[in-house]
């Protein structure tokens, strides 16, 4: 669930960055999702 939530937040942030005329950072995915590891039951 955390990865789904973070994905949604990442895309909202990306829209805000682009709307402001800035170039999105290359490591945007890593900033939002790279640290959240999948848990295996």
C-alpha atoms as a PDB file:
ATOM      1  CA  UNK A   1       0.000   0.000   0.000  1.00  0.00           C
ATOM      2  CA  UNK A   2       2.827   2.393   0.781  1.00  0.00           C
ATOM      3  CA  UNK A   3       4.265   2.064  -2.730  1.00  0.00           C
ATOM      4  CA  UNK A   4       0.867   2.844  -4.290  1.00  0.00           C
ATOM      5  CA  UNK A   5       0.484   5.936  -2.140  1.00  0.00           C
ATOM      6  CA  UNK A   6       4.019   7.101  -2.862  1.00  0.00           C
ATOM      7  CA  UNK A   7       3.514   6.562  -6.597  1.00  0.00           C
ATOM      8  CA  UNK A   8       0.472   8.821  -6.542  1.00  0.00           C
ATOM      9  CA  UNK A   9       2.402  11.467  -4.628  1.00  0.00           C
ATOM     10  CA  UNK A  10       5.300  11.222  -7.072  1.00  0.00           C
ATOM     11  CA  UNK A  11       3.052  11.905 -10.062  1.00  0.00           C
ATOM     12  CA  UNK A  12       1.437  14.861  -8.309  1.00  0.00           C
ATOM     13  CA  UNK A  13       4.872  16.267  -7.554  1.00  0.00           C
ATOM     14  CA  UNK A  14       5.946  15.693 -11.153  1.00  0.00           C
ATOM     15  CA  UNK A  15       2.915  17.639 -12.409  1.00  0.00           C
ATOM     16  CA  UNK A  16       3.764  20.503 -10.035  1.00  0.00           C
ATOM     17  CA  UNK A  17       7.389  20.561 -11.168  1.00  0.00           C
ATOM     18  CA  UNK A  18       6.484  20.586 -14.848  1.00  0.00           C
ATOM     19  CA  UNK A  19       3.741  23.207 -14.359  1.00  0.00           C
ATOM     20  CA  UNK A  20       6.321  25.489 -12.753  1.00  0.00           C
ATOM     21  CA  UNK A  21       8.517  25.229 -15.830  1.00  0.00           C
ATOM     22  CA  UNK A  22      11.305  23.326 -14.104  1.00  0.00           C
ATOM     23  CA  UNK A  23      13.017  20.227 -15.389  1.00  0.00           C
ATOM     24  CA  UNK A  24      12.173  17.140 -13.333  1.00  0.00           C
ATOM     25  CA  UNK A  25      15.123  15.636 -11.485  1.00  0.00           C
ATOM     26  CA  UNK A  26      16.643  12.526 -13.012  1.00  0.00           C
ATOM     27  CA  UNK A  27      16.302  10.589  -9.763  1.00  0.00           C
ATOM     28  CA  UNK A  28      12.677  11.436  -8.981  1.00  0.00           C
ATOM     29  CA  UNK A  29      11.712   7.752  -8.803  1.00  0.00           C
ATOM     30  CA  UNK A  30      14.540   7.020  -6.379  1.00  0.00           C
ATOM     31  CA  UNK A  31      13.509   9.916  -4.153  1.00  0.00           C
ATOM     32  CA  UNK A  32       9.932   8.698  -3.863  1.00  0.00           C
ATOM     33  CA  UNK A  33      10.029   4.927  -4.254  1.00  0.00           C
ATOM     34  CA  UNK A  34      13.617   3.736  -4.248  1.00  0.00           C
ATOM     35  CA  UNK A  35      13.824   3.443  -0.476  1.00  0.00           C
ATOM     36  CA  UNK A  36      10.464   1.699   0.007  1.00  0.00           C
ATOM     37  CA  UNK A  37      11.256  -1.980  -0.303  1.00  0.00           C
ATOM     38  CA  UNK A  38       8.587  -4.509  -1.020  1.00  0.00           C
ATOM     39  CA  UNK A  39       7.803  -6.745   1.900  1.00  0.00           C
ATOM     40  CA  UNK A  40       7.526 -10.429   1.210  1.00  0.00           C
ATOM     41  CA  UNK A  41       5.039 -12.385   3.320  1.00  0.00           C
END
